Amino acid sequence: MRVQWTIIAALLFALLTGVFAVINMDSVKVNFLFSETQSPLILVILVSTVLGGLTVGLFGIVRQYKLQREIKHLESKLAELESKDGFDSIVGAVLSQDMAKEEEFPPAHPAKE
């Protein structure tokens, strides 16, 4: 369901950007620090939107790659711990630490019974 809302939001943003760009047909001066050029505002708006989308997408891909690498690392670490004889004692120690933290800091909203 989340993917559908994301697609709907993206299409709505594209529609609004397109309408905004078509309304602004005037020619504007664009300064690239090393040169200046005259360009239609519609082109400046659309190119800026596409470059912004590509930048956000690139950051998303990099983040996804890092998360997948971390998952693989943690899965291999888990497999290594499971293969050792003392796995049950490690799990018991971790669970007892978690329970001690819960006793020290009770949840802000206790569960209703």
Protein backbone atom coordinates (compact mmCIF):
# COMPACT_ATOMS: atom_id res chain seq x y z
CA MET A 1 0.00 0.00 0.00
CA ARG A 2 2.89 2.36 0.77
CA VAL A 3 4.32 1.92 -2.72
CA GLN A 4 0.97 2.89 -4.26
CA TRP A 5 0.85 6.11 -2.22
CA THR A 6 4.41 6.89 -3.24
CA ILE A 7 3.55 6.44 -6.90
CA ILE A 8 0.43 8.60 -6.55
CA ALA A 9 2.43 11.33 -4.79
CA ALA A 10 5.14 11.20 -7.47
CA LEU A 11 2.58 11.48 -10.26
CA LEU A 12 0.85 14.37 -8.52
CA PHE A 13 4.20 16.14 -8.07
CA ALA A 14 5.03 15.56 -11.75
CA LEU A 15 1.66 16.97 -12.79
CA LEU A 16 2.06 20.07 -10.62
CA THR A 17 5.61 20.62 -11.87
CA GLY A 18 4.46 20.25 -15.48
CA VAL A 19 1.61 22.74 -15.02
CA PHE A 20 3.93 25.18 -13.24
CA ALA A 21 6.51 24.84 -16.01
CA VAL A 22 3.98 25.39 -18.81
CA ILE A 23 2.67 28.52 -17.11
CA ASN A 24 6.21 29.97 -16.99
CA MET A 25 7.22 30.14 -20.65
CA ASP A 26 9.35 33.31 -20.38
CA SER A 27 13.02 33.31 -21.31
CA VAL A 28 15.41 33.75 -18.39
CA LYS A 29 19.13 34.36 -18.04
CA VAL A 30 20.93 31.39 -16.46
CA ASN A 31 24.38 31.92 -14.93
CA PHE A 32 26.63 28.83 -14.77
CA LEU A 33 29.52 30.69 -13.02
CA PHE A 34 31.68 30.23 -16.13
CA SER A 35 29.11 31.37 -18.71
CA GLU A 36 25.65 32.85 -19.12
CA THR A 37 22.88 31.76 -21.41
CA GLN A 38 19.27 32.56 -22.18
CA SER A 39 16.91 29.62 -21.73
CA PRO A 40 13.15 29.14 -21.47
CA LEU A 41 12.04 28.95 -17.84
CA ILE A 42 10.09 25.76 -18.60
CA LEU A 43 13.37 24.06 -19.51
CA VAL A 44 15.12 25.32 -16.36
CA ILE A 45 12.26 24.07 -14.16
CA LEU A 46 12.07 20.64 -15.78
CA VAL A 47 15.85 20.07 -15.81
CA SER A 48 16.10 21.15 -12.15
CA THR A 49 13.28 18.78 -11.18
CA VAL A 50 14.86 15.85 -13.02
CA LEU A 51 18.31 16.51 -11.52
CA GLY A 52 16.78 16.77 -8.04
CA GLY A 53 14.94 13.48 -8.53
CA LEU A 54 18.09 11.75 -9.74
CA THR A 55 20.03 13.07 -6.75
CA VAL A 56 17.43 11.82 -4.27
CA GLY A 57 17.28 8.48 -6.07
CA LEU A 58 21.05 8.12 -5.97
CA PHE A 59 21.12 8.75 -2.22
CA GLY A 60 18.34 6.17 -1.79
CA ILE A 61 20.27 3.57 -3.77
CA VAL A 62 23.45 4.20 -1.75
CA ARG A 63 21.49 3.89 1.52
CA GLN A 64 19.86 0.66 0.35
CA TYR A 65 23.25 -0.77 -0.62
CA LYS A 66 24.71 0.06 2.80
CA LEU A 67 21.74 -1.52 4.57
CA GLN A 68 22.02 -4.70 2.50
CA ARG A 69 25.74 -4.93 3.29
CA GLU A 70 24.99 -4.51 7.00
CA ILE A 71 22.30 -7.21 6.85
CA LYS A 72 24.72 -9.65 5.19
CA HIS A 73 27.36 -8.87 7.81
CA LEU A 74 24.92 -9.39 10.68
CA GLU A 75 23.58 -12.62 9.16
CA SER A 76 27.10 -14.02 8.87
CA LYS A 77 27.82 -12.97 12.45
CA LEU A 78 24.59 -14.67 13.60
CA ALA A 79 25.50 -17.84 11.72
CA GLU A 80 28.92 -17.80 13.36
CA LEU A 81 27.37 -17.41 16.80
CA GLU A 82 24.84 -20.18 16.12
CA SER A 83 27.62 -22.55 15.14
CA LYS A 84 29.40 -22.06 18.46
CA ASP A 85 28.54 -24.25 21.45
CA GLY A 86 27.64 -21.37 23.75
CA PHE A 87 24.88 -19.91 21.57
CA ASP A 88 22.15 -20.54 24.14
CA SER A 89 24.13 -18.85 26.89
CA ILE A 90 24.75 -15.81 24.64
CA VAL A 91 21.05 -15.52 23.82
CA GLY A 92 20.19 -15.88 27.51
CA ALA A 93 22.65 -13.12 28.43
CA VAL A 94 21.29 -10.75 25.79
CA LEU A 95 17.69 -11.43 26.83
CA SER A 96 18.50 -10.86 30.49
CA GLN A 97 20.17 -7.54 29.59
CA ASP A 98 17.07 -6.47 27.66
CA MET A 99 14.82 -7.39 30.57
CA ALA A 100 17.05 -5.43 32.97
CA LYS A 101 16.80 -2.36 30.73
CA GLU A 102 12.99 -2.64 30.66
CA GLU A 103 12.88 -2.80 34.47
CA GLU A 104 15.19 0.22 34.72
CA PHE A 105 13.30 2.25 32.11
CA PRO A 106 9.65 1.17 31.94
CA PRO A 107 7.77 1.97 28.74
CA ALA A 108 6.20 5.44 28.59
CA HIS A 109 2.81 3.98 27.69
CA PRO A 110 2.21 0.74 29.59
CA ALA A 111 0.29 -1.94 27.76
CA LYS A 112 -3.39 -2.14 28.65
CA GLU A 113 -4.48 -5.46 30.06
